[in-house]
Protein backbone atom coordinates (compact mmCIF):
# COMPACT_ATOMS: atom_id res chain seq x y z
CA MET A 1 -4.42 -13.30 27.60
CA ARG A 2 -2.33 -12.21 24.54
CA GLY A 3 1.00 -10.82 23.79
CA ILE A 4 1.09 -8.72 20.80
CA SER A 5 4.26 -7.50 18.91
CA LEU A 6 4.99 -6.65 15.35
CA LEU A 7 7.21 -9.17 13.63
CA LEU A 8 7.34 -7.63 10.09
CA PRO A 9 6.77 -4.07 8.75
CA LEU A 10 3.35 -3.71 7.17
CA PHE A 11 3.33 -3.72 3.44
CA LEU A 12 0.59 -3.02 0.87
CA ILE A 13 -0.52 -6.36 -0.28
CA MET A 14 0.27 -6.81 -4.07
CA ALA A 15 -1.69 -10.05 -4.50
CA LEU A 16 -2.96 -11.80 -7.69
CA ILE A 17 -6.45 -12.87 -7.04
CA LEU A 18 -7.80 -15.79 -9.10
CA PRO A 19 -11.49 -15.45 -10.46
CA GLY A 20 -13.97 -15.74 -7.66
CA ALA A 21 -13.42 -15.29 -3.89
CA ALA A 22 -9.80 -15.59 -2.73
CA LEU A 23 -8.83 -18.19 -0.10
CA ALA A 24 -5.39 -19.21 1.23
CA GLY A 25 -3.57 -20.19 -2.02
CA GLU A 26 -4.92 -17.20 -3.84
CA ILE A 27 -3.38 -14.40 -1.68
CA ASN A 28 0.39 -13.78 -1.68
CA TRP A 29 0.76 -13.82 2.22
CA ASN A 30 4.49 -13.27 1.81
CA LYS A 31 3.78 -9.69 0.98
CA ALA A 32 1.37 -9.19 3.93
CA GLY A 33 2.54 -7.77 7.31
CA ALA A 34 2.47 -10.29 10.12
CA SER A 35 1.89 -9.83 13.97
CA LYS A 36 3.01 -12.29 16.71
CA ILE A 37 0.09 -13.09 19.07
CA SER A 38 0.74 -14.96 22.22
CA LEU A 39 -1.73 -17.40 23.61
CA PHE A 40 -1.76 -18.89 27.15
CA TYR A 41 -3.29 -21.81 28.86
CA PRO A 42 -5.82 -20.30 31.36
CA GLY A 43 -6.92 -23.36 33.38
CA VAL A 44 -10.28 -22.53 35.04
CA THR A 45 -9.54 -18.82 34.83
CA SER A 46 -13.08 -17.17 34.38
CA TRP A 47 -15.01 -13.93 34.26
CA GLU A 48 -15.90 -14.51 37.85
CA PHE A 49 -12.11 -14.98 38.74
CA LEU A 50 -11.17 -11.81 36.90
CA THR A 51 -13.62 -9.75 38.87
CA SER A 52 -13.05 -11.53 42.32
CA ASP A 53 -10.71 -10.85 45.36
CA ASP A 54 -8.60 -13.82 44.09
CA HIS A 55 -7.61 -11.41 41.22
CA ARG A 56 -6.81 -8.87 44.04
CA LEU A 57 -6.23 -5.31 42.61
CA GLY A 58 -7.13 -6.44 39.14
CA GLY A 59 -10.49 -7.64 40.23
CA ARG A 60 -11.39 -4.29 41.49
CA GLU A 61 -9.99 -2.42 38.35
CA ILE A 62 -12.03 -4.57 36.03
CA LYS A 63 -15.32 -4.17 38.13
CA GLN A 64 -14.82 -0.37 37.52
CA GLY A 65 -13.85 -0.94 33.88
CA LYS A 66 -10.51 1.09 34.47
CA LYS A 67 -7.85 -1.36 33.10
CA ASP A 68 -7.65 -4.06 30.56
CA CYS A 69 -5.84 -7.28 30.79
CA LYS A 70 -2.79 -6.08 28.68
CA HIS A 71 -2.13 -3.28 31.05
CA CYS A 72 -0.98 -5.56 33.85
CA HIS A 73 -0.01 -8.63 31.99
CA LEU A 74 1.85 -7.43 28.91
CA SER A 75 5.33 -5.93 28.91
CA LYS A 76 6.56 -3.06 26.70
CA GLU A 77 8.47 -5.66 24.66
CA GLY A 78 5.19 -7.61 24.01
CA GLU A 79 5.83 -10.50 26.24
CA LEU A 80 3.08 -11.96 28.69
CA ASP A 81 3.71 -11.59 32.39
CA LEU A 82 1.79 -14.73 33.47
CA LYS A 83 2.59 -17.86 35.17
CA ALA A 84 1.32 -19.95 32.30
CA ASP A 85 3.53 -22.91 32.70
CA GLU A 86 2.60 -23.15 36.45
CA ILE A 87 -1.12 -22.83 35.52
CA ALA A 88 -0.71 -25.74 33.04
CA SER A 89 1.14 -27.92 35.51
CA GLY A 90 -1.46 -27.25 38.22
CA THR A 91 1.27 -25.94 40.67
CA VAL A 92 0.06 -22.28 41.05
CA LYS A 93 -3.11 -21.38 43.14
CA MET A 94 -5.37 -18.32 43.52
CA LYS A 95 -4.37 -15.72 46.06
CA ARG A 96 -7.50 -15.76 48.42
CA SER A 97 -9.17 -19.01 47.88
CA HIS A 98 -6.12 -21.06 47.30
CA ASN A 99 -7.89 -22.96 44.58
CA PRO A 100 -5.79 -24.29 41.79
CA PHE A 101 -5.78 -22.58 38.39
CA GLU A 102 -5.76 -26.12 36.89
CA PRO A 103 -7.27 -29.01 39.11
CA GLU A 104 -6.79 -31.51 36.25
CA PRO A 105 -3.41 -30.83 34.86
CA LEU A 106 -2.43 -32.48 31.49
CA PRO A 107 1.12 -34.13 31.52
CA GLY A 108 3.52 -32.05 29.44
CA LYS A 109 1.04 -29.33 28.62
CA LYS A 110 2.97 -26.01 27.64
CA GLY A 111 1.88 -22.78 29.27
CA LEU A 112 2.46 -20.63 26.14
CA ILE A 113 2.24 -20.68 22.32
CA THR A 114 2.61 -18.19 19.61
CA ALA A 115 0.60 -17.71 16.57
CA LYS A 116 1.63 -15.49 13.51
CA VAL A 117 -1.59 -13.66 12.40
CA GLN A 118 -2.05 -11.81 9.02
CA ALA A 119 -5.02 -10.25 7.48
CA ALA A 120 -6.37 -8.92 4.25
CA TYR A 121 -9.70 -7.71 2.77
CA ASP A 122 -11.35 -6.93 -0.53
CA ASN A 123 -14.77 -5.32 -1.37
CA ASP A 124 -16.60 -8.46 -0.12
CA TYR A 125 -14.53 -10.42 2.40
CA MET A 126 -12.09 -10.23 5.24
CA TYR A 127 -9.40 -13.00 5.40
CA ILE A 128 -7.43 -13.83 8.53
CA ARG A 129 -4.58 -16.18 8.42
CA ILE A 130 -3.25 -17.95 11.54
CA GLU A 131 0.03 -19.96 11.63
CA TRP A 132 1.25 -21.93 14.74
CA ASP A 133 3.65 -24.69 15.86
CA SER A 134 1.79 -27.92 16.47
CA LYS A 135 2.12 -31.69 16.43
CA GLY A 136 -0.52 -31.79 13.79
CA ALA A 137 -2.59 -34.58 15.42
CA GLY A 138 -5.91 -33.43 13.86
CA TRP A 139 -4.30 -33.21 10.44
CA GLN A 140 -2.63 -36.68 10.42
CA LYS A 141 -5.56 -38.76 11.88
CA LYS A 142 -9.27 -38.47 12.59
CA ALA A 143 -10.05 -37.47 16.35
CA SER A 144 -10.94 -40.68 18.25
CA LYS A 145 -11.59 -38.77 21.42
CA GLY A 146 -12.15 -35.23 22.56
CA LEU A 147 -12.36 -32.60 19.84
CA PRO A 148 -10.41 -32.03 16.46
CA ASP A 149 -7.66 -29.45 16.42
CA ARG A 150 -9.09 -26.07 15.61
CA VAL A 151 -8.64 -22.36 15.76
CA SER A 152 -11.57 -20.14 16.67
CA LEU A 153 -12.01 -16.36 16.65
CA GLN A 154 -14.48 -14.39 18.61
CA ILE A 155 -15.17 -11.08 16.82
CA ASN A 156 -16.83 -7.87 17.84
CA LYS A 157 -16.77 -4.21 16.65
CA SER A 158 -18.71 -2.34 19.34
CA GLU A 159 -18.81 -3.83 22.85
CA VAL A 160 -16.44 -2.01 25.10
CA ALA A 161 -15.88 -4.91 27.66
CA PHE A 162 -14.99 -7.26 24.80
CA LYS A 163 -12.50 -4.68 23.55
CA LYS A 164 -10.84 -4.71 27.04
CA TYR A 165 -11.18 -8.40 28.20
CA GLY A 166 -11.96 -10.47 25.01
CA CYS A 167 -13.26 -13.92 25.25
CA PHE A 168 -13.02 -13.89 29.19
CA ILE A 169 -16.37 -12.00 29.17
CA THR A 170 -17.96 -15.25 27.75
CA CYS A 171 -16.07 -17.65 30.04
CA HIS A 172 -17.86 -18.56 33.35
CA ASN A 173 -17.31 -20.70 36.42
CA ASP A 174 -20.57 -22.54 35.68
CA LEU A 175 -19.87 -23.62 32.17
CA SER A 176 -19.42 -27.37 31.33
CA THR A 177 -16.22 -28.71 32.89
CA MET A 178 -15.66 -25.66 35.06
CA PRO A 179 -15.57 -25.79 38.85
CA ASN A 180 -19.15 -24.75 39.45
CA SER A 181 -20.77 -26.49 36.39
CA PRO A 182 -24.19 -27.85 37.22
CA SER A 183 -24.81 -31.60 36.76
CA ARG A 184 -26.20 -32.90 33.59
CA LYS A 185 -29.42 -33.81 35.34
CA GLU A 186 -29.74 -30.13 36.45
CA VAL A 187 -29.19 -28.87 33.07
CA VAL A 188 -31.62 -31.15 31.35
CA SER A 189 -34.38 -30.11 33.84
CA ASN A 190 -33.98 -26.53 33.06
CA GLY A 191 -36.72 -25.32 30.75
CA TYR A 192 -34.27 -23.54 28.28
CA TYR A 193 -31.76 -26.36 27.96
CA GLY A 194 -34.29 -29.21 28.22
CA SER A 195 -36.21 -27.79 25.31
CA GLN A 196 -33.12 -28.11 23.11
CA ASN A 197 -32.21 -31.63 24.57
CA ARG A 198 -29.05 -30.12 25.87
CA ASP A 199 -27.14 -31.35 28.96
CA ASP A 200 -24.30 -28.81 28.92
CA VAL A 201 -23.75 -25.02 29.58
CA ARG A 202 -21.94 -23.22 26.89
CA LEU A 203 -20.28 -19.78 26.62
CA TYR A 204 -22.37 -16.77 27.31
CA ALA A 205 -21.77 -13.02 27.57
CA TYR A 206 -21.67 -11.83 31.24
CA TYR A 207 -24.31 -9.05 30.47
CA ALA A 208 -26.82 -11.66 28.90
CA ARG A 209 -27.18 -14.02 31.93
CA THR A 210 -26.87 -13.65 35.64
CA SER A 211 -26.11 -17.44 35.81
CA TRP A 212 -26.17 -20.48 33.69
CA SER A 213 -29.92 -20.97 34.61
CA GLU A 214 -31.10 -17.37 34.39
CA ARG A 215 -31.23 -15.13 31.33
CA LYS A 216 -31.45 -11.37 31.66
CA PRO A 217 -34.96 -9.93 30.57
CA GLN A 218 -35.55 -10.05 26.88
CA GLY A 219 -35.71 -6.22 26.69
CA GLU A 220 -32.15 -5.89 28.18
CA LEU A 221 -31.00 -8.47 25.69
CA ASP A 222 -32.54 -6.74 22.75
CA LYS A 223 -30.98 -3.49 23.74
CA ARG A 224 -27.60 -5.02 24.12
CA ILE A 225 -27.84 -6.67 20.67
CA LYS A 226 -28.89 -3.53 19.09
CA ASP A 227 -25.81 -1.82 20.76
CA GLY A 228 -23.55 -4.37 19.30
CA GLY A 229 -23.23 -6.81 22.17
CA ARG A 230 -23.65 -9.94 20.19
CA ILE A 231 -20.10 -11.69 19.54
CA ASP A 232 -19.52 -13.26 16.04
CA LEU A 233 -17.85 -16.64 16.34
CA VAL A 234 -15.85 -18.36 13.45
CA SER A 235 -13.81 -21.52 13.56
CA ALA A 236 -11.52 -23.62 11.34
CA GLU A 237 -11.64 -27.17 12.37
CA ILE A 238 -8.88 -29.54 11.41
CA ASN A 239 -9.80 -33.25 11.26
CA ASN A 240 -8.06 -36.08 9.22
CA GLY A 241 -6.36 -33.74 6.80
CA GLU A 242 -9.42 -31.77 6.09
CA VAL A 243 -10.51 -28.28 7.16
CA ALA A 244 -14.14 -27.37 7.88
CA ALA A 245 -15.50 -23.87 8.68
CA HIS A 246 -18.09 -23.21 11.37
CA ASP A 247 -19.98 -20.02 11.95
CA GLY A 248 -21.77 -19.09 15.10
CA TRP A 249 -22.36 -16.43 17.66
CA ILE A 250 -22.29 -15.82 21.49
CA MET A 251 -24.83 -13.78 23.53
CA ASP A 252 -26.95 -15.51 26.13
CA ASP A 253 -25.73 -18.84 24.73
CA ARG A 254 -23.18 -20.12 22.24
CA LYS A 255 -24.86 -21.32 19.05
CA TRP A 256 -23.45 -22.81 15.77
CA GLU A 257 -25.45 -21.96 12.64
CA ASP A 258 -26.68 -24.57 10.22
CA LYS A 259 -25.90 -22.41 7.15
CA THR A 260 -22.78 -20.34 7.01
CA SER A 261 -21.06 -17.88 4.65
CA VAL A 262 -17.73 -18.49 6.34
CA GLU A 263 -15.16 -20.57 4.47
CA ALA A 264 -11.76 -22.05 5.82
CA SER A 265 -8.71 -23.69 4.35
CA GLY A 266 -5.46 -24.89 5.83
CA SER A 267 -2.33 -27.01 5.64
CA TYR A 268 0.05 -28.70 7.89
CA GLY A 269 3.84 -29.07 7.20
CA ASP A 270 7.23 -28.78 9.00
CA GLY A 271 5.53 -28.80 12.35
CA ARG A 272 3.33 -25.90 11.68
CA TYR A 273 -0.50 -25.32 10.97
CA ALA A 274 -1.61 -22.61 8.67
CA ALA A 275 -5.26 -21.92 8.51
CA VAL A 276 -7.29 -19.16 6.66
CA ILE A 277 -10.70 -18.05 7.69
CA ARG A 278 -12.70 -16.02 5.24
CA THR A 279 -15.87 -13.88 6.46
CA LYS A 280 -18.17 -11.71 4.68
CA LEU A 281 -18.02 -7.97 5.34
CA LYS A 282 -21.54 -7.17 4.60
CA SER A 283 -23.44 -10.41 5.56
CA THR A 284 -27.14 -10.62 5.25
CA ASP A 285 -26.84 -12.90 8.40
CA LYS A 286 -28.13 -10.81 11.35
CA PHE A 287 -25.69 -12.87 13.63
CA ASP A 288 -22.59 -11.76 11.74
CA ILE A 289 -20.44 -8.70 12.25
CA GLN A 290 -20.81 -6.00 9.67
CA ALA A 291 -17.50 -4.35 8.67
CA GLU A 292 -16.22 -1.88 6.14
CA ASP A 293 -13.06 0.22 5.19
CA GLY A 294 -11.58 1.89 8.05
CA ASP A 295 -13.12 -0.29 10.76
CA VAL A 296 -11.03 -1.59 13.74
CA ILE A 297 -12.30 -4.89 14.89
CA SER A 298 -11.66 -6.61 18.19
CA VAL A 299 -10.75 -10.39 18.19
CA GLY A 300 -10.24 -13.03 20.70
CA MET A 301 -8.43 -16.28 19.55
CA ALA A 302 -8.43 -19.78 20.96
CA ILE A 303 -6.54 -22.79 19.82
CA HIS A 304 -7.46 -26.47 20.61
CA GLU A 305 -4.66 -28.98 20.27
CA ASP A 306 -4.33 -32.81 20.65
CA GLY A 307 -7.95 -33.60 21.09
CA VAL A 308 -8.43 -31.51 24.22
CA GLU A 309 -12.12 -30.93 25.24
CA LYS A 310 -13.95 -27.81 26.36
CA ARG A 311 -12.05 -25.49 28.44
CA LYS A 312 -8.52 -27.03 27.94
CA HIS A 313 -7.42 -24.68 25.08
CA TYR A 314 -5.09 -21.76 24.59
CA VAL A 315 -6.54 -18.26 24.58
CA SER A 316 -5.22 -14.84 23.78
CA PHE A 317 -5.84 -11.38 25.10
CA PRO A 318 -8.15 -9.39 22.68
CA PHE A 319 -6.20 -7.88 19.70
CA THR A 320 -7.43 -5.63 16.95
CA VAL A 321 -7.55 -5.99 13.22
CA GLY A 322 -7.74 -2.89 11.08
CA LEU A 323 -9.33 -2.85 7.65
CA GLY A 324 -6.89 -0.37 6.03
CA ALA A 325 -6.52 1.23 9.49
CA ASN A 326 -3.71 1.01 12.11
CA ALA A 327 -4.15 -1.83 14.56
CA ASP A 328 -2.41 -4.81 16.10
CA VAL A 329 -2.97 -6.52 12.81
CA ARG A 330 -3.27 -4.31 9.84
CA ALA A 331 -5.29 -5.75 6.97
CA GLU A 332 -4.37 -4.09 3.60
CA LYS A 333 -6.93 -4.06 0.79
CA ILE A 334 -6.40 -6.35 -2.10
CA SER A 335 -7.85 -5.99 -5.61
CA ARG A 336 -9.32 -8.70 -7.88
């Protein structure tokens, strides 16, 4: 899903922090190291595809937990080995079933984009800055249909499957707009979704449900959560020149929280977005990741552009962010 290669040498961030918590304009990002993260258009690629005969040898390796996505699809030079443009255009099909990777291609959709990612942290917060080329539709006008432009990060520190396969462990063939998605009537009539007045199926970890309609036993869920299986979810949404932060989580469902400690800022200029997401290292929210000096965190990134809905976004392979530690993206500590 993601190609990772170092663009700049990693420096110690010598940033001047204004009083209070730092955001985009208060960190000297020119002094921070930067990494290039490749994102691709996945079409209807799902966890079920990754573990199926359609994925051939890769499916067998993933079932056994032997190899990660980057082992087969990332070159030594950090370039993705994927037919991303063909997926986006709908011209490439799966090996065994011959189903298209994208049954509803969007005209002119690129298969690959690249984001520059930087990170920093202090005693209280972690800051992740993402910059990428864009038409800036969400910045220039309010979304009239579909969704605003946005960048979202799935974050986890402990789950082995997430370290290897990233957000694909939460993407399934029965999610809303995916090939095996249940009808709205079926979803509403299900006790879990009906109680929430929901008619859509959202992201869930493969180890938390056997299908969209059946959760794993509560005891299994509790143990997995205790072992670090819940995935933190943060997003910077860009709409009509404004940036809003959203905070949520993924386990047996994807939920956004009403109250959030996450903050976001951003800008658009010269054909590029820049967004900064700030999260607490030691949040009192039980749904948030807890992190400290020396931790290496796994991250999966998604970017939505031009009002696309649901699955029609770009995704990355999992990459790592190290808090003062070597990783794909090294975050240096800053002082107030």
